[in-house]
Each structure stands twice: as structure tokens, then as C-alpha cells.
């Protein structure tokens, strides 16, 4: 099926909504009854980790490595603040995130990153490494049936930090339009 046919099929069925923000996957409201919601996360500059665990060493000088937007600590916004207000609510938020339908896409040539703060650097040197480490963190920290079923990862060969290259690739089209 060509790209146009996939898009028309998608638009006519209106079954899946796509969002490209990992943090909204953590804090976003549940979809209305009867609506399937899929998050497609491609080459973000950093991730909000669901626990303080990191696969790279965290320097003592980087005490804010797990603060919001890099982790779940010190969330200052009022938007769904109750989801991170207690240890129990954080565990429920983790469980909810892991059961959400998410597709992670990584461009194999996306090696740089604008965010060079210590919080982002402990996640990896560039977008690709940060994505690979986040996926490894998720699968090692939260093993379960969600791996490669509810949540999947894809690599777009030779593409850097390029929206069009990501979305027009076979992997991008699959993440957006597969059912």
C-alpha cells in the first residue's frame, strides 16, 4: 500500500491519534472511550525517565539529573500534578506509561544534541545514543509483555535530526499508519 493510500485509510478511520511528545505520554490524559491513542516519539533531545536509574554514570555534581523534564522529581507544573505527587501515584504513572501504545524512532545518523546540560548528558552523547539507552533502560528496568508489543522501537538508517526523513521513511510510515 502506498503512502497516500495509508494516509487516506488513516484519516477516514480516525482510529489513532499521534503525538510526538514523550513527556505527554507520561502525563497526558487517557484517550476518550473508543479512541485508540498511539504516541510516536522520534529523536527527542532528552527523556523523562520513570525512575532515578541511568545506564551511564551520574556525576556527583549533577544532582538535578532526575528533576522534571529528565525524570519525575520536582515537577512544578499544575497540569496533572497529582500523577507525580506521591510515590504511589508515580508507580501508577509508570504502569500507565508502560501500557500506552508507543513507537520510538531513532535516526542512525542523529548523533548530536543541542541539550548539553549534565541532566541530558547522563542520558547519552546525542539523540541516537540517548534513545538507545532509554529503550535499554525501559526494557531492563521494567521487563514485561509490553516490550515489542505495546511499545516498539525502530531505526531509520542514515537519517539524522530530520523530520521529513524520519516520517517519510518506511519505519516512520509504519509507526504512523500501521494498525
C-alpha atoms as a PDB file:
ATOM      1  CA  UNK A   1       0.000   0.000   0.000  1.00  0.00           C
ATOM      2  CA  UNK A   2       1.496   3.396  -0.971  1.00  0.00           C
ATOM      3  CA  UNK A   3       1.875   6.339   1.417  1.00  0.00           C
ATOM      4  CA  UNK A   4      -1.151   8.220   0.100  1.00  0.00           C
ATOM      5  CA  UNK A   5      -3.411   5.187   0.466  1.00  0.00           C
ATOM      6  CA  UNK A   6      -2.180   4.621   4.000  1.00  0.00           C
ATOM      7  CA  UNK A   7      -2.840   8.235   4.896  1.00  0.00           C
ATOM      8  CA  UNK A   8      -6.325   8.217   3.402  1.00  0.00           C
ATOM      9  CA  UNK A   9      -7.141   4.978   5.176  1.00  0.00           C
ATOM     10  CA  UNK A  10      -5.877   6.501   8.418  1.00  0.00           C
ATOM     11  CA  UNK A  11      -7.778   9.755   8.027  1.00  0.00           C
ATOM     12  CA  UNK A  12     -11.001   8.028   7.065  1.00  0.00           C
ATOM     13  CA  UNK A  13     -10.925   5.641  10.017  1.00  0.00           C
ATOM     14  CA  UNK A  14      -9.759   8.203  12.591  1.00  0.00           C
ATOM     15  CA  UNK A  15      -8.765   5.397  14.933  1.00  0.00           C
ATOM     16  CA  UNK A  16      -5.428   6.600  16.113  1.00  0.00           C
ATOM     17  CA  UNK A  17      -4.210   9.961  17.300  1.00  0.00           C
ATOM     18  CA  UNK A  18      -0.483  10.646  17.154  1.00  0.00           C
ATOM     19  CA  UNK A  19       1.556  12.766  19.489  1.00  0.00           C
ATOM     20  CA  UNK A  20       5.284  13.253  19.290  1.00  0.00           C
ATOM     21  CA  UNK A  21       5.996  14.201  22.900  1.00  0.00           C
ATOM     22  CA  UNK A  22       7.369  11.614  25.308  1.00  0.00           C
ATOM     23  CA  UNK A  23       6.531  13.648  28.388  1.00  0.00           C
ATOM     24  CA  UNK A  24       2.885  13.877  27.340  1.00  0.00           C
ATOM     25  CA  UNK A  25       2.977  10.078  27.199  1.00  0.00           C
ATOM     26  CA  UNK A  26       3.736  10.209  30.912  1.00  0.00           C
ATOM     27  CA  UNK A  27       1.333  12.952  31.997  1.00  0.00           C
ATOM     28  CA  UNK A  28      -1.288  13.079  29.257  1.00  0.00           C
ATOM     29  CA  UNK A  29      -4.902  12.241  29.903  1.00  0.00           C
ATOM     30  CA  UNK A  30      -6.293   8.903  28.820  1.00  0.00           C
ATOM     31  CA  UNK A  31      -7.940   8.802  25.419  1.00  0.00           C
ATOM     32  CA  UNK A  32     -11.725   9.048  25.290  1.00  0.00           C
ATOM     33  CA  UNK A  33     -13.663   5.793  25.179  1.00  0.00           C
ATOM     34  CA  UNK A  34     -13.437   4.208  21.730  1.00  0.00           C
ATOM     35  CA  UNK A  35     -10.327   6.135  20.640  1.00  0.00           C
ATOM     36  CA  UNK A  36      -7.014   4.333  20.265  1.00  0.00           C
ATOM     37  CA  UNK A  37      -4.110   6.630  21.042  1.00  0.00           C
ATOM     38  CA  UNK A  38      -0.556   5.997  19.816  1.00  0.00           C
ATOM     39  CA  UNK A  39       2.459   8.080  20.738  1.00  0.00           C
ATOM     40  CA  UNK A  40       5.215   8.289  18.149  1.00  0.00           C
ATOM     41  CA  UNK A  41       8.426   9.595  19.676  1.00  0.00           C
ATOM     42  CA  UNK A  42      11.228  10.378  17.247  1.00  0.00           C
ATOM     43  CA  UNK A  43      14.707  11.686  18.070  1.00  0.00           C
ATOM     44  CA  UNK A  44      13.919  13.781  21.172  1.00  0.00           C
ATOM     45  CA  UNK A  45      16.721  15.723  22.818  1.00  0.00           C
ATOM     46  CA  UNK A  46      16.128  14.006  26.161  1.00  0.00           C
ATOM     47  CA  UNK A  47      13.680  11.773  28.008  1.00  0.00           C
ATOM     48  CA  UNK A  48      11.801  11.928  31.287  1.00  0.00           C
ATOM     49  CA  UNK A  49      12.970   8.732  32.973  1.00  0.00           C
ATOM     50  CA  UNK A  50      10.471   6.885  35.154  1.00  0.00           C
ATOM     51  CA  UNK A  51      12.982   6.253  37.964  1.00  0.00           C
ATOM     52  CA  UNK A  52      16.396   7.553  39.044  1.00  0.00           C
ATOM     53  CA  UNK A  53      18.147   4.622  37.302  1.00  0.00           C
ATOM     54  CA  UNK A  54      20.518   5.612  34.476  1.00  0.00           C
ATOM     55  CA  UNK A  55      22.795   3.394  32.416  1.00  0.00           C
ATOM     56  CA  UNK A  56      25.583   5.973  32.320  1.00  0.00           C
ATOM     57  CA  UNK A  57      27.325   7.154  35.495  1.00  0.00           C
ATOM     58  CA  UNK A  58      25.816  10.256  37.090  1.00  0.00           C
ATOM     59  CA  UNK A  59      28.458  12.698  38.345  1.00  0.00           C
ATOM     60  CA  UNK A  60      28.056  13.950  41.926  1.00  0.00           C
ATOM     61  CA  UNK A  61      27.881  17.487  40.514  1.00  0.00           C
ATOM     62  CA  UNK A  62      24.665  16.626  38.611  1.00  0.00           C
ATOM     63  CA  UNK A  63      22.187  16.475  41.495  1.00  0.00           C
ATOM     64  CA  UNK A  64      19.288  17.562  39.243  1.00  0.00           C
ATOM     65  CA  UNK A  65      19.647  14.618  36.802  1.00  0.00           C
ATOM     66  CA  UNK A  66      16.231  13.229  37.811  1.00  0.00           C
ATOM     67  CA  UNK A  67      14.323  16.514  38.020  1.00  0.00           C
ATOM     68  CA  UNK A  68      11.437  17.091  35.633  1.00  0.00           C
ATOM     69  CA  UNK A  69      11.952  17.080  32.379  1.00  0.00           C
ATOM     70  CA  UNK A  70      14.698  14.468  32.761  1.00  0.00           C
ATOM     71  CA  UNK A  71      12.950  12.464  35.472  1.00  0.00           C
ATOM     72  CA  UNK A  72       9.933  12.572  37.769  1.00  0.00           C
ATOM     73  CA  UNK A  73      11.339  14.680  40.639  1.00  0.00           C
ATOM     74  CA  UNK A  74      10.454  18.312  41.327  1.00  0.00           C
ATOM     75  CA  UNK A  75       7.567  18.604  38.885  1.00  0.00           C
ATOM     76  CA  UNK A  76       6.475  22.247  39.202  1.00  0.00           C
ATOM     77  CA  UNK A  77       3.507  22.490  36.826  1.00  0.00           C
ATOM     78  CA  UNK A  78      -0.134  22.161  37.830  1.00  0.00           C
ATOM     79  CA  UNK A  79      -1.011  20.036  34.758  1.00  0.00           C
ATOM     80  CA  UNK A  80      -1.841  16.569  36.143  1.00  0.00           C
ATOM     81  CA  UNK A  81       0.471  17.243  39.095  1.00  0.00           C
ATOM     82  CA  UNK A  82      -1.383  14.590  41.108  1.00  0.00           C
ATOM     83  CA  UNK A  83       0.222  11.937  38.857  1.00  0.00           C
ATOM     84  CA  UNK A  84       3.616  12.684  40.411  1.00  0.00           C
ATOM     85  CA  UNK A  85       2.628  13.881  43.870  1.00  0.00           C
ATOM     86  CA  UNK A  86       3.275  10.674  45.863  1.00  0.00           C
ATOM     87  CA  UNK A  87       5.355   7.535  45.486  1.00  0.00           C
ATOM     88  CA  UNK A  88       2.179   5.509  44.881  1.00  0.00           C
ATOM     89  CA  UNK A  89       0.983   7.889  42.160  1.00  0.00           C
ATOM     90  CA  UNK A  90       4.426   7.717  40.497  1.00  0.00           C
ATOM     91  CA  UNK A  91       4.227   3.919  40.398  1.00  0.00           C
ATOM     92  CA  UNK A  92       0.742   4.138  38.864  1.00  0.00           C
ATOM     93  CA  UNK A  93       2.092   6.667  36.339  1.00  0.00           C
ATOM     94  CA  UNK A  94       4.942   4.282  35.439  1.00  0.00           C
ATOM     95  CA  UNK A  95       2.477   1.437  34.914  1.00  0.00           C
ATOM     96  CA  UNK A  96       0.219   3.647  32.813  1.00  0.00           C
ATOM     97  CA  UNK A  97       3.150   4.773  30.635  1.00  0.00           C
ATOM     98  CA  UNK A  98       4.278   1.188  30.026  1.00  0.00           C
ATOM     99  CA  UNK A  99       0.811   0.146  28.873  1.00  0.00           C
ATOM    100  CA  UNK A 100       0.467   3.013  26.398  1.00  0.00           C
ATOM    101  CA  UNK A 101       0.987   2.300  22.733  1.00  0.00           C
ATOM    102  CA  UNK A 102       4.292   3.974  21.885  1.00  0.00           C
ATOM    103  CA  UNK A 103       6.591   3.807  18.877  1.00  0.00           C
ATOM    104  CA  UNK A 104      10.135   5.090  19.334  1.00  0.00           C
ATOM    105  CA  UNK A 105      12.036   6.045  16.185  1.00  0.00           C
ATOM    106  CA  UNK A 106      15.752   6.744  16.077  1.00  0.00           C
ATOM    107  CA  UNK A 107      17.699   8.101  13.121  1.00  0.00           C
ATOM    108  CA  UNK A 108      21.037   6.275  12.946  1.00  0.00           C
ATOM    109  CA  UNK A 109      22.803   9.482  11.817  1.00  0.00           C
ATOM    110  CA  UNK A 110      21.315  11.654  14.600  1.00  0.00           C
ATOM    111  CA  UNK A 111      24.483  11.818  16.653  1.00  0.00           C
ATOM    112  CA  UNK A 112      24.389  15.364  18.044  1.00  0.00           C
ATOM    113  CA  UNK A 113      22.158  17.126  20.548  1.00  0.00           C
ATOM    114  CA  UNK A 114      21.566  20.760  21.443  1.00  0.00           C
ATOM    115  CA  UNK A 115      20.930  19.996  25.127  1.00  0.00           C
ATOM    116  CA  UNK A 116      24.367  19.650  26.699  1.00  0.00           C
ATOM    117  CA  UNK A 117      23.313  20.043  30.329  1.00  0.00           C
ATOM    118  CA  UNK A 118      24.527  17.367  32.733  1.00  0.00           C
ATOM    119  CA  UNK A 119      20.955  16.014  33.033  1.00  0.00           C
ATOM    120  CA  UNK A 120      20.845  15.269  29.306  1.00  0.00           C
ATOM    121  CA  UNK A 121      24.458  14.125  29.021  1.00  0.00           C
ATOM    122  CA  UNK A 122      23.898  11.297  31.536  1.00  0.00           C
ATOM    123  CA  UNK A 123      21.285  10.045  29.057  1.00  0.00           C
ATOM    124  CA  UNK A 124      23.859   9.882  26.243  1.00  0.00           C
ATOM    125  CA  UNK A 125      26.032  11.993  23.975  1.00  0.00           C
ATOM    126  CA  UNK A 126      23.499  12.615  21.201  1.00  0.00           C
ATOM    127  CA  UNK A 127      19.945  11.840  20.158  1.00  0.00           C
ATOM    128  CA  UNK A 128      20.674   8.326  18.894  1.00  0.00           C
ATOM    129  CA  UNK A 129      22.601   7.243  21.979  1.00  0.00           C
ATOM    130  CA  UNK A 130      20.005   8.832  24.272  1.00  0.00           C
ATOM    131  CA  UNK A 131      17.251   6.927  22.507  1.00  0.00           C
ATOM    132  CA  UNK A 132      19.106   3.619  22.540  1.00  0.00           C
ATOM    133  CA  UNK A 133      19.916   3.998  26.235  1.00  0.00           C
ATOM    134  CA  UNK A 134      16.337   4.982  27.079  1.00  0.00           C
ATOM    135  CA  UNK A 135      14.977   1.875  25.329  1.00  0.00           C
ATOM    136  CA  UNK A 136      17.587  -0.292  27.070  1.00  0.00           C
ATOM    137  CA  UNK A 137      16.692   1.338  30.406  1.00  0.00           C
ATOM    138  CA  UNK A 138      12.974   0.694  29.878  1.00  0.00           C
ATOM    139  CA  UNK A 139      13.404  -2.945  28.889  1.00  0.00           C
ATOM    140  CA  UNK A 140      15.871  -3.711  31.700  1.00  0.00           C
ATOM    141  CA  UNK A 141      14.123  -1.747  34.453  1.00  0.00           C
ATOM    142  CA  UNK A 142      10.545  -2.724  33.574  1.00  0.00           C
ATOM    143  CA  UNK A 143      10.666  -6.143  31.872  1.00  0.00           C
ATOM    144  CA  UNK A 144       7.309  -7.396  30.772  1.00  0.00           C
ATOM    145  CA  UNK A 145       4.913  -8.261  27.986  1.00  0.00           C
ATOM    146  CA  UNK A 146       4.757  -4.645  26.764  1.00  0.00           C
ATOM    147  CA  UNK A 147       8.234  -4.923  25.160  1.00  0.00           C
ATOM    148  CA  UNK A 148       7.954  -5.102  21.356  1.00  0.00           C
ATOM    149  CA  UNK A 149       4.171  -5.403  21.572  1.00  0.00           C
ATOM    150  CA  UNK A 150       2.588  -2.298  23.109  1.00  0.00           C
ATOM    151  CA  UNK A 151       5.839  -0.373  22.725  1.00  0.00           C
ATOM    152  CA  UNK A 152       8.259  -0.843  19.841  1.00  0.00           C
ATOM    153  CA  UNK A 153      11.477   0.692  18.617  1.00  0.00           C
ATOM    154  CA  UNK A 154      12.597   1.341  15.054  1.00  0.00           C
ATOM    155  CA  UNK A 155      15.776   2.652  13.467  1.00  0.00           C
ATOM    156  CA  UNK A 156      15.851   4.811  10.344  1.00  0.00           C
ATOM    157  CA  UNK A 157      19.143   4.128   8.595  1.00  0.00           C
ATOM    158  CA  UNK A 158      21.193   7.137   7.509  1.00  0.00           C
ATOM    159  CA  UNK A 159      18.751   9.768   8.778  1.00  0.00           C
ATOM    160  CA  UNK A 160      19.843  12.481  11.178  1.00  0.00           C
ATOM    161  CA  UNK A 161      17.743  15.050  13.009  1.00  0.00           C
ATOM    162  CA  UNK A 162      15.393  15.450  10.051  1.00  0.00           C
ATOM    163  CA  UNK A 163      11.609  15.378  10.485  1.00  0.00           C
ATOM    164  CA  UNK A 164      10.846  14.690   6.828  1.00  0.00           C
ATOM    165  CA  UNK A 165      13.464  11.940   6.660  1.00  0.00           C
ATOM    166  CA  UNK A 166      12.013  10.257   9.722  1.00  0.00           C
ATOM    167  CA  UNK A 167       8.319  10.473   8.781  1.00  0.00           C
ATOM    168  CA  UNK A 168       8.786   9.629   5.102  1.00  0.00           C
ATOM    169  CA  UNK A 169      10.885   6.546   5.847  1.00  0.00           C
ATOM    170  CA  UNK A 170       9.367   3.082   5.789  1.00  0.00           C
ATOM    171  CA  UNK A 171       9.852   2.880   9.567  1.00  0.00           C
ATOM    172  CA  UNK A 172       8.187   6.275  10.081  1.00  0.00           C
ATOM    173  CA  UNK A 173       5.250   5.352   7.868  1.00  0.00           C
ATOM    174  CA  UNK A 174       4.861   2.077   9.738  1.00  0.00           C
ATOM    175  CA  UNK A 175       4.955   3.852  13.130  1.00  0.00           C
ATOM    176  CA  UNK A 176       2.308   6.314  11.980  1.00  0.00           C
ATOM    177  CA  UNK A 177      -0.016   4.160   9.904  1.00  0.00           C
ATOM    178  CA  UNK A 178       0.227   0.521  10.887  1.00  0.00           C
ATOM    179  CA  UNK A 179      -2.729  -0.925  12.750  1.00  0.00           C
END
